[in-house]
Amino acid sequence: MGSVIYGKRNLGFSPIEILCALGVMLILFVVFFRIYAYRDNDIKYQIAREELSILNCALEYYHSSCGEYPVGNQRSIEQNAISMYAALTKSSKNFLTGHEWKIASNKILDPWGRPYIYKCSGKPEDNYILFSMGPNGYVDEHGLLDDIYSR
């Protein structure tokens, strides 16, 4: 027979006990989700830095073999990304192999699914700018928030 406490049968949990258990589970879920989201974003930052380093090497190799950096339409981010990819696949293919690149519409994408930003004027005395817009998806005013620049 079931145990009797204060004249009632103890057959299950009370609504208060159930609510407390659900509250504890919800708190644990929120804590673990925040840790996972932070770690996932941290991994994407590391991948972006690694890919920017590889692209820097490929662009420098292209410059040493062709005498200039790839040039694109300076008004279009999309065109610049396409021209950089086209130039690197022609001359520096060995730099682009061995890594799992995200490529869509002839553009190399960063870990957040947007093309890397590449700008070069084409003048021999000028260098290039290469960076990722980071998780927020837009170029920050001073580049200080979450943009990841190649160094």
Protein backbone atom coordinates (compact mmCIF):
# COMPACT_ATOMS: atom_id res chain seq x y z
CA MET A 1 0.00 0.00 0.00
CA GLY A 2 1.03 3.59 -0.55
CA SER A 3 2.37 5.63 2.31
CA VAL A 4 -0.02 8.04 3.91
CA ILE A 5 1.17 11.52 4.88
CA TYR A 6 -1.27 13.73 6.76
CA GLY A 7 -4.18 11.69 5.59
CA LYS A 8 -3.34 11.82 1.84
CA ARG A 9 -1.80 9.23 -0.39
CA ASN A 10 1.68 10.09 -1.72
CA LEU A 11 1.27 8.94 -5.33
CA GLY A 12 3.22 11.63 -7.29
CA PHE A 13 4.80 15.03 -7.30
CA SER A 14 2.93 18.12 -6.27
CA PRO A 15 2.51 20.98 -8.76
CA ILE A 16 5.05 23.05 -6.79
CA GLU A 17 7.67 20.30 -7.06
CA ILE A 18 7.04 19.98 -10.80
CA LEU A 19 7.38 23.76 -11.29
CA CYS A 20 10.63 23.81 -9.30
CA ALA A 21 12.08 20.97 -11.40
CA LEU A 22 11.05 22.72 -14.64
CA GLY A 23 12.58 25.98 -13.39
CA VAL A 24 15.90 24.30 -12.63
CA MET A 25 15.91 22.62 -16.07
CA LEU A 26 15.17 25.94 -17.76
CA ILE A 27 18.02 27.67 -15.95
CA LEU A 28 20.44 24.90 -16.91
CA PHE A 29 19.27 25.04 -20.54
CA VAL A 30 19.83 28.81 -20.72
CA VAL A 31 23.31 28.54 -19.18
CA PHE A 32 24.41 25.76 -21.52
CA PHE A 33 22.91 27.47 -24.57
CA ARG A 34 24.83 30.68 -23.80
CA ILE A 35 28.07 28.73 -23.41
CA TYR A 36 27.45 26.89 -26.71
CA ALA A 37 26.59 30.11 -28.59
CA TYR A 38 29.71 31.85 -27.27
CA ARG A 39 31.93 28.87 -28.14
CA ASP A 40 30.41 28.54 -31.61
CA ASN A 41 31.11 32.21 -32.36
CA ASP A 42 34.65 31.87 -30.98
CA ILE A 43 35.30 28.96 -33.35
CA LYS A 44 34.04 31.03 -36.29
CA TYR A 45 36.44 33.85 -35.34
CA GLN A 46 39.34 31.37 -35.33
CA ILE A 47 38.33 29.97 -38.73
CA ALA A 48 38.09 33.49 -40.18
CA ARG A 49 41.57 34.39 -38.91
CA GLU A 50 42.99 31.17 -40.38
CA GLU A 51 41.33 31.75 -43.75
CA LEU A 52 42.48 35.38 -43.86
CA SER A 53 46.03 34.21 -43.21
CA ILE A 54 45.82 31.71 -46.07
CA LEU A 55 44.33 34.35 -48.39
CA ASN A 56 47.12 36.78 -47.44
CA CYS A 57 49.73 34.21 -48.42
CA ALA A 58 47.91 33.50 -51.67
CA LEU A 59 47.65 37.22 -52.51
CA GLU A 60 51.34 37.78 -51.77
CA TYR A 61 52.24 34.80 -53.96
CA TYR A 62 50.03 36.22 -56.72
CA HIS A 63 51.76 39.61 -56.32
CA SER A 64 55.24 38.07 -56.51
CA SER A 65 54.40 36.06 -59.62
CA CYS A 66 52.28 38.66 -61.50
CA GLY A 67 53.73 41.93 -60.19
CA GLU A 68 50.39 43.27 -58.96
CA TYR A 69 47.44 42.37 -56.78
CA PRO A 70 44.13 41.28 -58.34
CA VAL A 71 41.99 44.28 -59.23
CA GLY A 72 38.22 44.42 -59.31
CA ASN A 73 35.51 47.00 -59.73
CA GLN A 74 36.14 49.26 -56.74
CA ARG A 75 32.47 50.14 -56.41
CA SER A 76 31.21 46.60 -55.91
CA ILE A 77 32.12 44.37 -52.97
CA GLU A 78 30.71 41.41 -54.87
CA GLN A 79 32.84 42.09 -57.98
CA ASN A 80 35.99 42.49 -55.90
CA ALA A 81 35.35 39.16 -54.16
CA ILE A 82 34.77 37.48 -57.54
CA SER A 83 37.93 38.97 -59.09
CA MET A 84 40.03 37.93 -56.08
CA TYR A 85 38.73 34.35 -56.27
CA ALA A 86 39.25 34.16 -60.03
CA ALA A 87 42.82 35.45 -59.78
CA LEU A 88 43.74 33.16 -56.89
CA THR A 89 42.35 30.04 -58.53
CA LYS A 90 44.42 30.75 -61.64
CA SER A 91 47.82 31.33 -60.08
CA SER A 92 47.77 30.32 -56.41
CA LYS A 93 45.66 27.20 -56.55
CA ASN A 94 48.08 25.35 -54.30
CA PHE A 95 47.24 27.82 -51.50
CA LEU A 96 43.51 27.25 -51.85
CA THR A 97 43.64 23.46 -51.82
CA GLY A 98 43.72 21.50 -48.59
CA HIS A 99 41.22 23.73 -46.83
CA GLU A 100 37.44 23.46 -46.87
CA TRP A 101 36.44 26.81 -48.33
CA LYS A 102 32.84 27.97 -48.45
CA ILE A 103 32.37 29.11 -52.04
CA ALA A 104 29.19 30.48 -53.58
CA SER A 105 28.79 32.32 -56.88
CA ASN A 106 32.58 32.42 -57.37
CA LYS A 107 33.16 34.15 -54.02
CA ILE A 108 34.99 32.87 -50.96
CA LEU A 109 32.65 33.16 -47.99
CA ASP A 110 33.58 33.77 -44.37
CA PRO A 111 32.27 31.47 -41.60
CA TRP A 112 29.11 33.61 -41.31
CA GLY A 113 28.26 33.05 -45.00
CA ARG A 114 29.23 36.47 -46.40
CA PRO A 115 32.03 37.15 -48.90
CA TYR A 116 35.37 38.36 -47.61
CA ILE A 117 35.81 42.06 -48.35
CA TYR A 118 38.73 42.70 -50.70
CA LYS A 119 39.75 46.12 -51.96
CA CYS A 120 42.72 47.00 -54.11
CA SER A 121 43.23 50.04 -56.31
CA GLY A 122 45.57 48.25 -58.72
CA LYS A 123 48.34 50.81 -58.36
CA PRO A 124 51.74 49.18 -57.83
CA GLU A 125 52.50 51.33 -54.80
CA ASP A 126 49.19 50.50 -53.09
CA ASN A 127 48.50 47.49 -50.93
CA TYR A 128 45.17 45.72 -50.49
CA ILE A 129 42.58 45.53 -47.72
CA LEU A 130 41.14 42.14 -46.85
CA PHE A 131 38.71 41.50 -44.00
CA SER A 132 35.54 39.81 -42.80
CA MET A 133 32.53 41.78 -41.60
CA GLY A 134 32.17 39.42 -38.64
CA PRO A 135 28.94 38.19 -37.09
CA ASN A 136 27.00 41.47 -37.32
CA GLY A 137 27.27 41.51 -41.13
CA TYR A 138 28.21 45.13 -41.73
CA VAL A 139 31.39 47.17 -41.80
CA ASP A 140 31.84 48.90 -38.47
CA GLU A 141 32.58 52.60 -38.58
CA HIS A 142 36.11 52.35 -37.23
CA GLY A 143 36.62 48.62 -37.63
CA LEU A 144 36.87 48.18 -33.89
CA LEU A 145 33.84 46.09 -32.97
CA ASP A 146 33.72 42.69 -34.62
CA ASP A 147 35.34 43.06 -38.04
CA ILE A 148 38.28 40.72 -38.55
CA TYR A 149 41.10 42.28 -40.57
CA SER A 150 44.02 40.53 -42.15
CA ARG A 151 47.34 41.66 -40.76
